[in-house]
């Protein structure tokens, strides 16, 4: 069974988040701005490159709003 790299998992998760927001009638960027968050920082949290407590909290918030399951937690 092939293993996905963290970058591949981050890319897949970002695609799921973007798609989910589109299905909700908004966009990832619009949601970030409505929350007062910089989309590039939120992207870092999604990819896991901003992995401290604040980054993890932002990641959880965006995944919850998008209705996307956190694949990193599921794999752990």
C-alpha atoms as a PDB file:
ATOM      1  CA  UNK A   1       0.000   0.000   0.000  1.00  0.00           C
ATOM      2  CA  UNK A   2       1.573   3.341  -1.032  1.00  0.00           C
ATOM      3  CA  UNK A   3       2.212   5.892   1.675  1.00  0.00           C
ATOM      4  CA  UNK A   4       1.228   9.493   1.122  1.00  0.00           C
ATOM      5  CA  UNK A   5       3.757  12.156   2.010  1.00  0.00           C
ATOM      6  CA  UNK A   6       2.688  14.984   4.326  1.00  0.00           C
ATOM      7  CA  UNK A   7       2.706  17.337   1.330  1.00  0.00           C
ATOM      8  CA  UNK A   8       0.343  15.033  -0.595  1.00  0.00           C
ATOM      9  CA  UNK A   9      -1.969  14.778   2.395  1.00  0.00           C
ATOM     10  CA  UNK A  10      -1.935  18.556   2.813  1.00  0.00           C
ATOM     11  CA  UNK A  11      -2.729  19.078  -0.844  1.00  0.00           C
ATOM     12  CA  UNK A  12      -5.607  16.618  -0.707  1.00  0.00           C
ATOM     13  CA  UNK A  13      -6.979  18.191   2.476  1.00  0.00           C
ATOM     14  CA  UNK A  14      -6.756  21.681   0.968  1.00  0.00           C
ATOM     15  CA  UNK A  15      -8.672  20.488  -2.107  1.00  0.00           C
ATOM     16  CA  UNK A  16     -11.366  18.994   0.106  1.00  0.00           C
ATOM     17  CA  UNK A  17     -11.665  22.218   2.107  1.00  0.00           C
ATOM     18  CA  UNK A  18     -11.920  24.369  -1.036  1.00  0.00           C
ATOM     19  CA  UNK A  19     -14.484  22.045  -2.604  1.00  0.00           C
ATOM     20  CA  UNK A  20     -16.557  21.883   0.540  1.00  0.00           C
ATOM     21  CA  UNK A  21     -16.771  25.656   0.806  1.00  0.00           C
ATOM     22  CA  UNK A  22     -17.795  25.865  -2.858  1.00  0.00           C
ATOM     23  CA  UNK A  23     -20.576  23.362  -2.204  1.00  0.00           C
ATOM     24  CA  UNK A  24     -21.689  25.614   0.661  1.00  0.00           C
ATOM     25  CA  UNK A  25     -21.934  28.548  -1.756  1.00  0.00           C
ATOM     26  CA  UNK A  26     -18.814  30.393  -0.608  1.00  0.00           C
ATOM     27  CA  UNK A  27     -15.063  30.116  -1.072  1.00  0.00           C
ATOM     28  CA  UNK A  28     -12.135  29.263   1.139  1.00  0.00           C
ATOM     29  CA  UNK A  29     -10.782  32.809   0.841  1.00  0.00           C
ATOM     30  CA  UNK A  30     -14.165  34.390   1.596  1.00  0.00           C
ATOM     31  CA  UNK A  31     -14.546  32.214   4.697  1.00  0.00           C
ATOM     32  CA  UNK A  32     -11.045  33.113   5.925  1.00  0.00           C
ATOM     33  CA  UNK A  33     -11.683  36.814   5.452  1.00  0.00           C
ATOM     34  CA  UNK A  34     -15.089  36.609   7.153  1.00  0.00           C
ATOM     35  CA  UNK A  35     -13.291  35.120  10.158  1.00  0.00           C
ATOM     36  CA  UNK A  36     -10.601  37.819  10.089  1.00  0.00           C
ATOM     37  CA  UNK A  37      -7.917  35.298   9.138  1.00  0.00           C
ATOM     38  CA  UNK A  38      -5.196  35.589   6.523  1.00  0.00           C
ATOM     39  CA  UNK A  39      -5.854  32.825   3.935  1.00  0.00           C
ATOM     40  CA  UNK A  40      -2.127  32.090   3.574  1.00  0.00           C
ATOM     41  CA  UNK A  41      -1.767  31.481   7.316  1.00  0.00           C
ATOM     42  CA  UNK A  42      -4.819  29.243   7.337  1.00  0.00           C
ATOM     43  CA  UNK A  43      -3.303  27.330   4.397  1.00  0.00           C
ATOM     44  CA  UNK A  44      -0.132  26.798   6.456  1.00  0.00           C
ATOM     45  CA  UNK A  45      -2.266  25.414   9.290  1.00  0.00           C
ATOM     46  CA  UNK A  46      -4.056  23.054   6.886  1.00  0.00           C
ATOM     47  CA  UNK A  47      -0.777  21.799   5.423  1.00  0.00           C
ATOM     48  CA  UNK A  48       0.624  21.345   8.932  1.00  0.00           C
ATOM     49  CA  UNK A  49       3.573  23.712   8.501  1.00  0.00           C
ATOM     50  CA  UNK A  50       2.084  25.918  11.208  1.00  0.00           C
ATOM     51  CA  UNK A  51       1.661  23.168  13.764  1.00  0.00           C
ATOM     52  CA  UNK A  52       1.742  24.971  17.091  1.00  0.00           C
ATOM     53  CA  UNK A  53      -1.285  25.354  19.363  1.00  0.00           C
ATOM     54  CA  UNK A  54      -2.720  28.325  17.452  1.00  0.00           C
ATOM     55  CA  UNK A  55      -2.159  26.665  14.072  1.00  0.00           C
ATOM     56  CA  UNK A  56      -3.851  23.463  15.274  1.00  0.00           C
ATOM     57  CA  UNK A  57      -6.804  25.471  16.601  1.00  0.00           C
ATOM     58  CA  UNK A  58      -7.190  27.289  13.285  1.00  0.00           C
ATOM     59  CA  UNK A  59      -6.916  24.010  11.383  1.00  0.00           C
ATOM     60  CA  UNK A  60      -9.665  22.503  13.539  1.00  0.00           C
ATOM     61  CA  UNK A  61     -11.885  25.560  13.025  1.00  0.00           C
ATOM     62  CA  UNK A  62     -11.568  25.599   9.238  1.00  0.00           C
ATOM     63  CA  UNK A  63     -12.075  21.844   8.940  1.00  0.00           C
ATOM     64  CA  UNK A  64     -15.164  22.044  11.147  1.00  0.00           C
ATOM     65  CA  UNK A  65     -16.599  24.945   9.123  1.00  0.00           C
ATOM     66  CA  UNK A  66     -15.888  23.103   5.887  1.00  0.00           C
ATOM     67  CA  UNK A  67     -17.298  19.838   7.225  1.00  0.00           C
ATOM     68  CA  UNK A  68     -14.114  17.966   6.363  1.00  0.00           C
ATOM     69  CA  UNK A  69     -12.703  15.131   8.458  1.00  0.00           C
ATOM     70  CA  UNK A  70      -9.108  15.604   9.596  1.00  0.00           C
ATOM     71  CA  UNK A  71      -7.229  12.820   7.804  1.00  0.00           C
ATOM     72  CA  UNK A  72      -4.128  13.369   9.956  1.00  0.00           C
ATOM     73  CA  UNK A  73      -6.074  12.544  13.113  1.00  0.00           C
ATOM     74  CA  UNK A  74      -7.741   9.581  11.441  1.00  0.00           C
ATOM     75  CA  UNK A  75      -4.339   8.172  10.484  1.00  0.00           C
ATOM     76  CA  UNK A  76      -2.959   8.568  14.010  1.00  0.00           C
END
